[in-house]
Amino acid sequence: MPDSRAQHRRNNYQYNPTGTPWTFAGNSGISGAASAFNNNEGNVPEGTQIAFLQFANSSISQNVSLSAGTYLISFYAATTPGQSAEF
């Protein structure tokens, strides 16, 4: 995910940030790991930020160029407390 120093502060988040190789659409963005988007826990598998999708029709994407071969792309997904989602 993009690494912006402003996102490292507790409870800081930004919708549709620019200036990164990622494209954010709808209600999506990045947040510090300990924010309302993560129940203020701060527990993330790696790094100090999380990406979030809020509501339907939100997305985060990035174009990549890969040589021929087989690739595995993985990510962690979670919901905020009291919410449900299909992954």
N, C-alpha and C. Protein backbone atom coordinates (compact mmCIF):
# COMPACT_ATOMS: atom_id res chain seq x y z
N MET A 1 0.84 -1.18 0.00
CA MET A 1 0.00 0.00 0.00
C MET A 1 0.89 1.24 0.00
N PRO A 2 0.31 2.35 -0.41
CA PRO A 2 1.09 3.58 -0.41
C PRO A 2 1.55 3.94 0.99
N ASP A 3 2.71 4.52 1.09
CA ASP A 3 3.27 4.84 2.40
C ASP A 3 3.33 6.35 2.56
N SER A 4 2.32 6.92 3.16
CA SER A 4 2.27 8.36 3.40
C SER A 4 2.42 8.60 4.89
N ARG A 5 3.37 9.45 5.30
CA ARG A 5 3.61 9.68 6.72
C ARG A 5 2.36 10.13 7.45
N ALA A 6 1.49 10.86 6.78
CA ALA A 6 0.26 11.34 7.43
C ALA A 6 -0.62 10.18 7.84
N GLN A 7 -0.55 9.06 7.12
CA GLN A 7 -1.41 7.92 7.43
C GLN A 7 -0.93 7.15 8.64
N HIS A 8 0.25 7.41 9.14
CA HIS A 8 0.77 6.66 10.28
C HIS A 8 0.22 7.15 11.61
N ARG A 9 -0.36 8.32 11.65
CA ARG A 9 -0.89 8.83 12.90
C ARG A 9 -2.18 8.10 13.25
N ARG A 10 -2.38 7.89 14.53
CA ARG A 10 -3.56 7.19 15.02
C ARG A 10 -4.83 7.88 14.55
N ASN A 11 -5.78 7.09 14.09
CA ASN A 11 -7.10 7.54 13.64
C ASN A 11 -7.05 8.45 12.43
N ASN A 12 -5.99 8.44 11.71
CA ASN A 12 -5.90 9.24 10.51
C ASN A 12 -6.27 8.38 9.31
N TYR A 13 -7.06 8.93 8.41
CA TYR A 13 -7.43 8.20 7.21
C TYR A 13 -7.61 9.19 6.07
N GLN A 14 -7.58 8.65 4.85
CA GLN A 14 -7.78 9.49 3.69
C GLN A 14 -8.56 8.72 2.64
N TYR A 15 -9.65 9.29 2.19
CA TYR A 15 -10.41 8.71 1.09
C TYR A 15 -9.74 9.07 -0.23
N ASN A 16 -9.71 8.10 -1.14
CA ASN A 16 -9.22 8.29 -2.51
C ASN A 16 -7.91 9.08 -2.59
N PRO A 17 -6.86 8.61 -1.89
CA PRO A 17 -5.59 9.34 -1.94
C PRO A 17 -5.02 9.33 -3.37
N THR A 18 -4.23 10.32 -3.68
CA THR A 18 -3.58 10.41 -4.98
C THR A 18 -2.07 10.35 -4.79
N GLY A 19 -1.36 10.30 -5.89
CA GLY A 19 0.10 10.28 -5.83
C GLY A 19 0.68 8.93 -5.49
N THR A 20 -0.07 7.87 -5.71
CA THR A 20 0.40 6.51 -5.46
C THR A 20 0.19 5.68 -6.72
N PRO A 21 0.80 4.51 -6.82
CA PRO A 21 0.52 3.64 -7.97
C PRO A 21 -0.85 2.97 -7.88
N TRP A 22 -1.53 3.12 -6.76
CA TRP A 22 -2.85 2.53 -6.58
C TRP A 22 -3.92 3.50 -7.02
N THR A 23 -5.03 2.96 -7.54
CA THR A 23 -6.19 3.77 -7.92
C THR A 23 -7.32 3.46 -6.96
N PHE A 24 -7.84 4.46 -6.30
CA PHE A 24 -8.93 4.31 -5.34
C PHE A 24 -10.20 4.88 -5.96
N ALA A 25 -11.31 4.15 -5.85
CA ALA A 25 -12.57 4.61 -6.41
C ALA A 25 -13.69 4.41 -5.41
N GLY A 26 -14.72 5.22 -5.53
CA GLY A 26 -15.85 5.11 -4.60
C GLY A 26 -15.41 5.54 -3.22
N ASN A 27 -15.89 4.86 -2.21
CA ASN A 27 -15.53 5.14 -0.82
C ASN A 27 -14.42 4.20 -0.39
N SER A 28 -13.22 4.44 -0.87
CA SER A 28 -12.07 3.61 -0.52
C SER A 28 -10.92 4.53 -0.13
N GLY A 29 -9.94 3.97 0.56
CA GLY A 29 -8.81 4.78 0.95
C GLY A 29 -7.82 4.01 1.79
N ILE A 30 -6.96 4.76 2.49
CA ILE A 30 -5.97 4.18 3.39
C ILE A 30 -6.10 4.83 4.75
N SER A 31 -5.66 4.09 5.75
CA SER A 31 -5.78 4.54 7.13
C SER A 31 -4.61 4.02 7.93
N GLY A 32 -4.30 4.72 9.01
CA GLY A 32 -3.35 4.17 9.97
C GLY A 32 -3.92 2.87 10.53
N ALA A 33 -3.07 1.97 10.96
CA ALA A 33 -3.51 0.65 11.40
C ALA A 33 -4.46 0.72 12.59
N ALA A 34 -4.29 1.69 13.46
CA ALA A 34 -5.18 1.81 14.63
C ALA A 34 -6.16 2.95 14.36
N SER A 35 -7.27 2.63 13.75
CA SER A 35 -8.27 3.64 13.42
C SER A 35 -9.65 3.04 13.57
N ALA A 36 -10.65 3.84 13.36
CA ALA A 36 -12.03 3.34 13.41
C ALA A 36 -12.27 2.27 12.36
N PHE A 37 -11.51 2.28 11.28
CA PHE A 37 -11.66 1.26 10.24
C PHE A 37 -11.11 -0.09 10.69
N ASN A 38 -10.35 -0.10 11.77
CA ASN A 38 -9.78 -1.35 12.28
C ASN A 38 -10.13 -1.51 13.76
N ASN A 39 -11.23 -0.95 14.19
CA ASN A 39 -11.68 -1.03 15.57
C ASN A 39 -10.62 -0.53 16.55
N ASN A 40 -9.79 0.41 16.09
CA ASN A 40 -8.71 1.00 16.91
C ASN A 40 -7.75 -0.03 17.49
N GLU A 41 -7.66 -1.20 16.87
CA GLU A 41 -6.81 -2.26 17.40
C GLU A 41 -5.34 -2.08 17.05
N GLY A 42 -5.05 -1.65 15.84
CA GLY A 42 -3.65 -1.53 15.43
C GLY A 42 -3.01 -2.83 15.05
N ASN A 43 -3.74 -3.94 15.13
CA ASN A 43 -3.18 -5.24 14.78
C ASN A 43 -3.37 -5.50 13.29
N VAL A 44 -2.30 -5.43 12.54
CA VAL A 44 -2.34 -5.73 11.11
C VAL A 44 -1.24 -6.74 10.81
N PRO A 45 -1.44 -7.57 9.78
CA PRO A 45 -0.46 -8.62 9.50
C PRO A 45 0.93 -8.08 9.14
N GLU A 46 0.98 -6.90 8.52
CA GLU A 46 2.27 -6.36 8.09
C GLU A 46 2.14 -4.86 7.90
N GLY A 47 3.11 -4.11 8.33
CA GLY A 47 3.14 -2.67 8.10
C GLY A 47 2.36 -1.87 9.12
N THR A 48 2.06 -0.63 8.77
CA THR A 48 1.40 0.29 9.69
C THR A 48 0.14 0.90 9.10
N GLN A 49 -0.29 0.40 7.94
CA GLN A 49 -1.47 0.95 7.28
C GLN A 49 -2.44 -0.16 6.89
N ILE A 50 -3.69 0.26 6.66
CA ILE A 50 -4.68 -0.63 6.08
C ILE A 50 -5.34 0.11 4.92
N ALA A 51 -5.88 -0.65 4.00
CA ALA A 51 -6.73 -0.09 2.95
C ALA A 51 -8.16 -0.43 3.33
N PHE A 52 -9.08 0.42 2.94
CA PHE A 52 -10.48 0.13 3.25
C PHE A 52 -11.39 0.36 2.06
N LEU A 53 -12.45 -0.42 2.01
CA LEU A 53 -13.53 -0.28 1.05
C LEU A 53 -14.79 -0.06 1.87
N GLN A 54 -15.48 1.00 1.62
CA GLN A 54 -16.68 1.31 2.39
C GLN A 54 -17.85 1.44 1.42
N PHE A 55 -18.83 0.60 1.60
CA PHE A 55 -20.02 0.56 0.75
C PHE A 55 -19.74 -0.12 -0.59
N ALA A 56 -20.81 -0.49 -1.27
CA ALA A 56 -20.71 -1.18 -2.56
C ALA A 56 -20.10 -0.23 -3.60
N ASN A 57 -19.59 -0.81 -4.65
CA ASN A 57 -19.01 -0.08 -5.78
C ASN A 57 -17.75 0.71 -5.41
N SER A 58 -17.07 0.31 -4.36
CA SER A 58 -15.77 0.89 -4.03
C SER A 58 -14.70 -0.09 -4.48
N SER A 59 -13.56 0.43 -4.89
CA SER A 59 -12.50 -0.46 -5.36
C SER A 59 -11.12 0.17 -5.17
N ILE A 60 -10.13 -0.71 -5.16
CA ILE A 60 -8.72 -0.32 -5.13
C ILE A 60 -8.05 -1.18 -6.18
N SER A 61 -7.29 -0.56 -7.07
CA SER A 61 -6.65 -1.34 -8.13
C SER A 61 -5.27 -0.78 -8.44
N GLN A 62 -4.50 -1.61 -9.13
CA GLN A 62 -3.18 -1.20 -9.59
C GLN A 62 -2.85 -2.00 -10.83
N ASN A 63 -2.37 -1.35 -11.88
CA ASN A 63 -1.95 -2.04 -13.09
C ASN A 63 -0.54 -2.57 -12.88
N VAL A 64 -0.31 -3.80 -13.31
CA VAL A 64 1.02 -4.40 -13.23
C VAL A 64 1.34 -5.08 -14.55
N SER A 65 2.60 -5.15 -14.87
CA SER A 65 3.07 -5.87 -16.05
C SER A 65 3.86 -7.08 -15.56
N LEU A 66 3.42 -8.25 -15.94
CA LEU A 66 4.06 -9.48 -15.49
C LEU A 66 4.54 -10.30 -16.67
N SER A 67 5.65 -10.96 -16.51
CA SER A 67 6.11 -11.90 -17.51
C SER A 67 5.22 -13.13 -17.46
N ALA A 68 5.23 -13.92 -18.52
CA ALA A 68 4.44 -15.14 -18.56
C ALA A 68 4.83 -16.03 -17.39
N GLY A 69 3.85 -16.67 -16.79
CA GLY A 69 4.11 -17.55 -15.66
C GLY A 69 2.87 -17.70 -14.81
N THR A 70 3.04 -18.30 -13.67
CA THR A 70 1.94 -18.51 -12.73
C THR A 70 2.23 -17.67 -11.49
N TYR A 71 1.22 -16.95 -11.04
CA TYR A 71 1.39 -16.06 -9.89
C TYR A 71 0.28 -16.31 -8.87
N LEU A 72 0.57 -16.05 -7.63
CA LEU A 72 -0.41 -16.12 -6.55
C LEU A 72 -0.51 -14.74 -5.91
N ILE A 73 -1.69 -14.19 -5.90
CA ILE A 73 -1.93 -12.90 -5.27
C ILE A 73 -2.85 -13.15 -4.09
N SER A 74 -2.48 -12.65 -2.92
CA SER A 74 -3.30 -12.88 -1.74
C SER A 74 -3.45 -11.59 -0.95
N PHE A 75 -4.46 -11.55 -0.11
CA PHE A 75 -4.68 -10.40 0.75
C PHE A 75 -5.51 -10.85 1.95
N TYR A 76 -5.49 -10.06 2.99
CA TYR A 76 -6.31 -10.30 4.16
C TYR A 76 -7.55 -9.40 4.07
N ALA A 77 -8.67 -9.90 4.53
CA ALA A 77 -9.90 -9.12 4.52
C ALA A 77 -10.56 -9.23 5.89
N ALA A 78 -11.17 -8.15 6.32
CA ALA A 78 -11.85 -8.12 7.61
C ALA A 78 -13.00 -7.14 7.53
N THR A 79 -13.88 -7.18 8.51
CA THR A 79 -14.96 -6.21 8.59
C THR A 79 -14.86 -5.46 9.91
N THR A 80 -15.51 -4.34 9.99
CA THR A 80 -15.58 -3.63 11.25
C THR A 80 -16.58 -4.33 12.15
N PRO A 81 -16.47 -4.20 13.46
CA PRO A 81 -17.37 -4.89 14.38
C PRO A 81 -18.83 -4.57 14.10
N GLY A 82 -19.66 -5.59 14.13
CA GLY A 82 -21.10 -5.41 13.93
C GLY A 82 -21.49 -5.36 12.46
N GLN A 83 -20.54 -5.48 11.55
CA GLN A 83 -20.83 -5.43 10.12
C GLN A 83 -20.57 -6.79 9.51
N SER A 84 -21.15 -7.02 8.35
CA SER A 84 -20.87 -8.27 7.64
C SER A 84 -20.55 -7.93 6.19
N ALA A 85 -19.85 -8.82 5.54
CA ALA A 85 -19.48 -8.64 4.15
C ALA A 85 -19.19 -9.98 3.53
N GLU A 86 -19.31 -10.04 2.22
CA GLU A 86 -18.95 -11.24 1.48
C GLU A 86 -17.63 -10.98 0.78
N PHE A 87 -16.69 -11.93 0.96
CA PHE A 87 -15.38 -11.79 0.33
C PHE A 87 -15.22 -12.84 -0.73
